[in-house]
Amino acid sequence: MPPERRRSLFDGLAVTTPVGRVGRPDDIARAVHMLAASGFVTGGVLDATGGANLATGR
């Protein structure tokens, strides 16, 4: 995909998330680290979507 098309796609996706941007690899790495560092969490589902799946009321 050409860089300008990729940027346009990401910009379009960014406006649909409450955080206003697409996720970066370090966002996921921090979430994984948080779970791995916890000595008490034994499982679960972590929604690391920047709120993209929340109802926006639009």
N, C-alpha and C. Protein backbone atom coordinates (compact mmCIF):
# COMPACT_ATOMS: atom_id res chain seq x y z
N MET A 1 0.85 -1.17 0.00
CA MET A 1 0.00 0.00 0.00
C MET A 1 0.90 1.24 0.00
N PRO A 2 0.61 2.16 -0.86
CA PRO A 2 1.41 3.40 -0.89
C PRO A 2 1.30 4.15 0.44
N PRO A 3 2.38 4.79 0.85
CA PRO A 3 2.38 5.50 2.15
C PRO A 3 1.24 6.52 2.30
N GLU A 4 0.92 7.24 1.23
CA GLU A 4 -0.14 8.24 1.34
C GLU A 4 -1.52 7.59 1.54
N ARG A 5 -1.72 6.44 0.93
CA ARG A 5 -2.99 5.70 1.12
C ARG A 5 -3.06 5.15 2.55
N ARG A 6 -1.94 4.64 3.02
CA ARG A 6 -1.89 4.11 4.40
C ARG A 6 -2.19 5.21 5.41
N ARG A 7 -1.58 6.38 5.23
CA ARG A 7 -1.81 7.51 6.13
C ARG A 7 -3.27 7.92 6.10
N SER A 8 -3.87 7.96 4.92
CA SER A 8 -5.28 8.33 4.79
C SER A 8 -6.17 7.32 5.50
N LEU A 9 -5.86 6.04 5.38
CA LEU A 9 -6.63 4.99 6.06
C LEU A 9 -6.52 5.14 7.57
N PHE A 10 -5.31 5.32 8.07
CA PHE A 10 -5.11 5.47 9.51
C PHE A 10 -5.77 6.73 10.05
N ASP A 11 -5.70 7.81 9.31
CA ASP A 11 -6.35 9.06 9.74
C ASP A 11 -7.86 8.87 9.82
N GLY A 12 -8.43 8.14 8.87
CA GLY A 12 -9.86 7.86 8.88
C GLY A 12 -10.26 7.01 10.07
N LEU A 13 -9.43 6.03 10.41
CA LEU A 13 -9.72 5.18 11.56
C LEU A 13 -9.56 5.95 12.87
N ALA A 14 -8.60 6.83 12.91
CA ALA A 14 -8.32 7.59 14.14
C ALA A 14 -9.52 8.40 14.60
N VAL A 15 -10.26 8.98 13.68
CA VAL A 15 -11.40 9.81 14.07
C VAL A 15 -12.55 8.98 14.63
N THR A 16 -12.52 7.67 14.46
CA THR A 16 -13.59 6.82 14.99
C THR A 16 -13.31 6.32 16.40
N THR A 17 -12.14 6.62 16.94
CA THR A 17 -11.81 6.15 18.29
C THR A 17 -11.87 7.30 19.28
N PRO A 18 -12.34 7.01 20.49
CA PRO A 18 -12.39 8.05 21.52
C PRO A 18 -11.02 8.66 21.85
N VAL A 19 -9.95 7.89 21.71
CA VAL A 19 -8.63 8.44 22.00
C VAL A 19 -8.10 9.28 20.85
N GLY A 20 -8.74 9.22 19.67
CA GLY A 20 -8.39 10.08 18.55
C GLY A 20 -7.16 9.68 17.77
N ARG A 21 -6.74 8.44 17.90
CA ARG A 21 -5.58 7.98 17.12
C ARG A 21 -5.63 6.47 17.02
N VAL A 22 -4.83 5.93 16.11
CA VAL A 22 -4.72 4.47 16.02
C VAL A 22 -3.67 4.01 17.02
N GLY A 23 -3.79 2.76 17.40
CA GLY A 23 -2.84 2.20 18.37
C GLY A 23 -1.46 2.03 17.79
N ARG A 24 -0.48 2.12 18.67
CA ARG A 24 0.92 1.91 18.29
C ARG A 24 1.41 0.63 18.98
N PRO A 25 2.46 0.05 18.48
CA PRO A 25 2.99 -1.16 19.11
C PRO A 25 3.27 -0.99 20.61
N ASP A 26 3.75 0.18 21.01
CA ASP A 26 4.05 0.37 22.43
C ASP A 26 2.78 0.42 23.29
N ASP A 27 1.63 0.76 22.70
CA ASP A 27 0.38 0.70 23.45
C ASP A 27 0.07 -0.74 23.84
N ILE A 28 0.24 -1.65 22.92
CA ILE A 28 -0.02 -3.07 23.18
C ILE A 28 1.04 -3.62 24.13
N ALA A 29 2.29 -3.23 23.91
CA ALA A 29 3.38 -3.71 24.78
C ALA A 29 3.14 -3.31 26.23
N ARG A 30 2.66 -2.09 26.46
CA ARG A 30 2.38 -1.65 27.84
C ARG A 30 1.24 -2.44 28.46
N ALA A 31 0.23 -2.75 27.67
CA ALA A 31 -0.90 -3.54 28.18
C ALA A 31 -0.44 -4.95 28.54
N VAL A 32 0.36 -5.55 27.69
CA VAL A 32 0.89 -6.89 27.97
C VAL A 32 1.77 -6.85 29.21
N HIS A 33 2.61 -5.85 29.33
CA HIS A 33 3.49 -5.72 30.48
C HIS A 33 2.68 -5.60 31.77
N MET A 34 1.62 -4.80 31.74
CA MET A 34 0.79 -4.62 32.92
C MET A 34 0.23 -5.97 33.38
N LEU A 35 -0.26 -6.77 32.44
CA LEU A 35 -0.81 -8.07 32.81
C LEU A 35 0.28 -9.02 33.28
N ALA A 36 1.40 -9.03 32.60
CA ALA A 36 2.49 -9.94 32.95
C ALA A 36 3.10 -9.58 34.30
N ALA A 37 3.12 -8.29 34.64
CA ALA A 37 3.74 -7.86 35.88
C ALA A 37 2.87 -8.12 37.10
N SER A 38 1.58 -8.37 36.88
CA SER A 38 0.68 -8.61 38.00
C SER A 38 0.86 -10.02 38.51
N GLY A 39 1.06 -10.14 39.79
CA GLY A 39 1.18 -11.46 40.39
C GLY A 39 -0.15 -12.08 40.75
N PHE A 40 -1.24 -11.35 40.50
CA PHE A 40 -2.54 -11.83 40.92
C PHE A 40 -3.48 -12.13 39.76
N VAL A 41 -3.25 -11.51 38.59
CA VAL A 41 -4.12 -11.74 37.44
C VAL A 41 -3.78 -13.10 36.84
N THR A 42 -4.81 -13.93 36.69
CA THR A 42 -4.58 -15.27 36.14
C THR A 42 -5.22 -15.45 34.77
N GLY A 43 -5.93 -14.48 34.30
CA GLY A 43 -6.54 -14.57 32.98
C GLY A 43 -7.56 -13.47 32.80
N GLY A 44 -7.98 -13.32 31.59
CA GLY A 44 -8.99 -12.31 31.29
C GLY A 44 -8.83 -11.82 29.87
N VAL A 45 -9.73 -10.94 29.50
CA VAL A 45 -9.70 -10.35 28.16
C VAL A 45 -9.41 -8.87 28.33
N LEU A 46 -8.39 -8.41 27.66
CA LEU A 46 -8.03 -7.00 27.72
C LEU A 46 -8.43 -6.34 26.41
N ASP A 47 -9.29 -5.37 26.50
CA ASP A 47 -9.77 -4.65 25.32
C ASP A 47 -8.81 -3.49 25.04
N ALA A 48 -7.88 -3.70 24.15
CA ALA A 48 -6.89 -2.67 23.82
C ALA A 48 -7.19 -2.09 22.45
N THR A 49 -8.34 -1.39 22.35
CA THR A 49 -8.79 -0.86 21.06
C THR A 49 -8.89 0.65 21.04
N GLY A 50 -8.49 1.30 22.13
CA GLY A 50 -8.63 2.75 22.19
C GLY A 50 -10.08 3.20 22.25
N GLY A 51 -10.95 2.24 22.58
CA GLY A 51 -12.38 2.54 22.67
C GLY A 51 -13.11 2.44 21.35
N ALA A 52 -12.46 1.89 20.32
CA ALA A 52 -13.06 1.83 18.99
C ALA A 52 -14.36 1.03 18.96
N ASN A 53 -14.55 0.13 19.88
CA ASN A 53 -15.75 -0.69 19.87
C ASN A 53 -16.85 -0.16 20.79
N LEU A 54 -16.66 1.01 21.37
CA LEU A 54 -17.68 1.62 22.22
C LEU A 54 -18.76 2.28 21.37
N ALA A 55 -19.97 2.26 21.87
CA ALA A 55 -21.05 2.96 21.18
C ALA A 55 -20.81 4.45 21.33
N THR A 56 -20.88 5.18 20.23
CA THR A 56 -20.59 6.61 20.27
C THR A 56 -21.84 7.46 20.30
N GLY A 57 -22.99 6.87 20.04
CA GLY A 57 -24.22 7.64 20.04
C GLY A 57 -24.40 8.50 18.80
N ARG A 58 -23.59 8.25 17.77
CA ARG A 58 -23.71 9.04 16.54
C ARG A 58 -24.80 8.51 15.67
